[in-house]
Protein backbone atom coordinates (compact mmCIF):
# COMPACT_ATOMS: atom_id res chain seq x y z
CA UNK A 1 131.89 178.29 91.46
CA UNK A 2 135.02 179.00 93.49
CA UNK A 3 133.05 181.12 95.96
CA UNK A 4 130.56 178.29 96.43
CA UNK A 5 133.41 175.88 97.14
CA UNK A 6 134.88 178.27 99.73
CA UNK A 7 131.49 178.64 101.38
CA UNK A 8 130.82 174.88 101.42
CA UNK A 9 134.29 174.11 102.77
CA UNK A 10 133.84 176.69 105.53
CA UNK A 11 130.36 175.45 106.36
CA UNK A 12 131.59 171.86 106.52
CA UNK A 13 134.45 172.73 108.86
CA UNK A 14 132.12 174.81 111.02
CA UNK A 15 129.60 171.99 111.29
CA UNK A 16 132.31 169.52 112.27
CA UNK A 17 133.66 171.87 114.95
CA UNK A 18 130.20 172.73 116.27
CA UNK A 19 128.28 169.45 116.06
CA UNK A 20 131.07 166.95 116.67
CA UNK A 21 133.95 168.69 118.47
CA UNK A 22 135.09 165.35 119.87
CA UNK A 23 136.36 164.49 116.38
CA UNK A 24 138.83 167.34 116.60
CA UNK A 25 139.46 167.33 120.34
CA UNK A 26 140.14 163.66 120.97
CA UNK A 27 143.16 164.51 123.05
CA UNK A 28 143.55 168.26 123.21
CA UNK A 29 147.29 168.70 123.64
CA UNK A 30 148.96 172.12 123.61
CA UNK A 31 150.18 171.44 120.06
CA UNK A 32 146.66 170.64 118.86
CA UNK A 33 145.33 173.69 120.65
CA UNK A 34 147.90 175.82 118.81
CA UNK A 35 146.57 174.59 115.45
CA UNK A 36 142.95 175.68 116.08
CA UNK A 37 143.48 179.46 115.56
CA UNK A 38 144.86 178.76 112.08
CA UNK A 39 141.85 176.58 111.31
CA UNK A 40 139.47 179.28 112.54
CA UNK A 41 141.29 181.94 110.52
CA UNK A 42 140.94 179.77 107.42
CA UNK A 43 137.24 179.20 108.12
CA UNK A 44 136.67 182.93 108.59
CA UNK A 45 138.53 183.75 105.38
CA UNK A 46 136.51 181.09 103.57
CA UNK A 47 133.27 182.66 104.75
CA UNK A 48 134.43 186.13 103.70
CA UNK A 49 135.38 184.88 100.24
CA UNK A 50 132.38 182.56 99.90
CA UNK A 51 129.86 185.27 100.73
CA UNK A 52 131.43 187.65 98.23
CA UNK A 53 132.69 190.32 100.61
CA UNK A 54 135.74 192.16 99.23
CA UNK A 55 137.83 193.88 101.92
CA UNK A 56 139.27 197.34 101.20
CA UNK A 57 142.69 196.70 102.67
CA UNK A 58 145.08 194.88 100.37
CA UNK A 59 146.38 192.71 103.23
CA UNK A 60 142.88 191.59 104.20
CA UNK A 61 142.05 190.90 100.56
CA UNK A 62 145.05 188.58 100.43
CA UNK A 63 144.06 186.83 103.67
CA UNK A 64 140.44 186.43 102.53
CA UNK A 65 141.43 184.94 99.20
CA UNK A 66 141.05 181.23 98.51
CA UNK A 67 144.83 181.06 98.05
CA UNK A 68 145.19 181.68 101.77
CA UNK A 69 141.92 180.26 103.14
CA UNK A 70 142.02 176.82 101.54
CA UNK A 71 145.58 175.92 102.58
CA UNK A 72 144.90 177.16 106.11
CA UNK A 73 141.79 175.00 106.42
CA UNK A 74 143.24 171.95 104.69
CA UNK A 75 146.60 172.13 106.44
CA UNK A 76 145.06 172.65 109.88
CA UNK A 77 142.60 169.80 109.42
CA UNK A 78 145.41 167.57 108.17
CA UNK A 79 147.58 168.40 111.17
CA UNK A 80 144.69 167.77 113.56
CA UNK A 81 143.95 164.40 111.96
CA UNK A 82 147.59 163.26 111.73
CA UNK A 83 148.60 164.20 115.27
């Protein structure tokens, strides 16, 4: 169930960034541009967790966990919306 949520959250963020980038890039300031790598890292980690891949390295396992992926995605989207 948690993996499905990670996958759906990552798919949703990917669709928004791909189909409607103007929602995110209304006014692409340097600060907003600095937020995007964190969003993309969260999306990537969400895909890794959602598809069930388990990295060998302990550090990558921590990054690809929902404890890291969800706050990265949610926080980045929040910062992009609030700015």
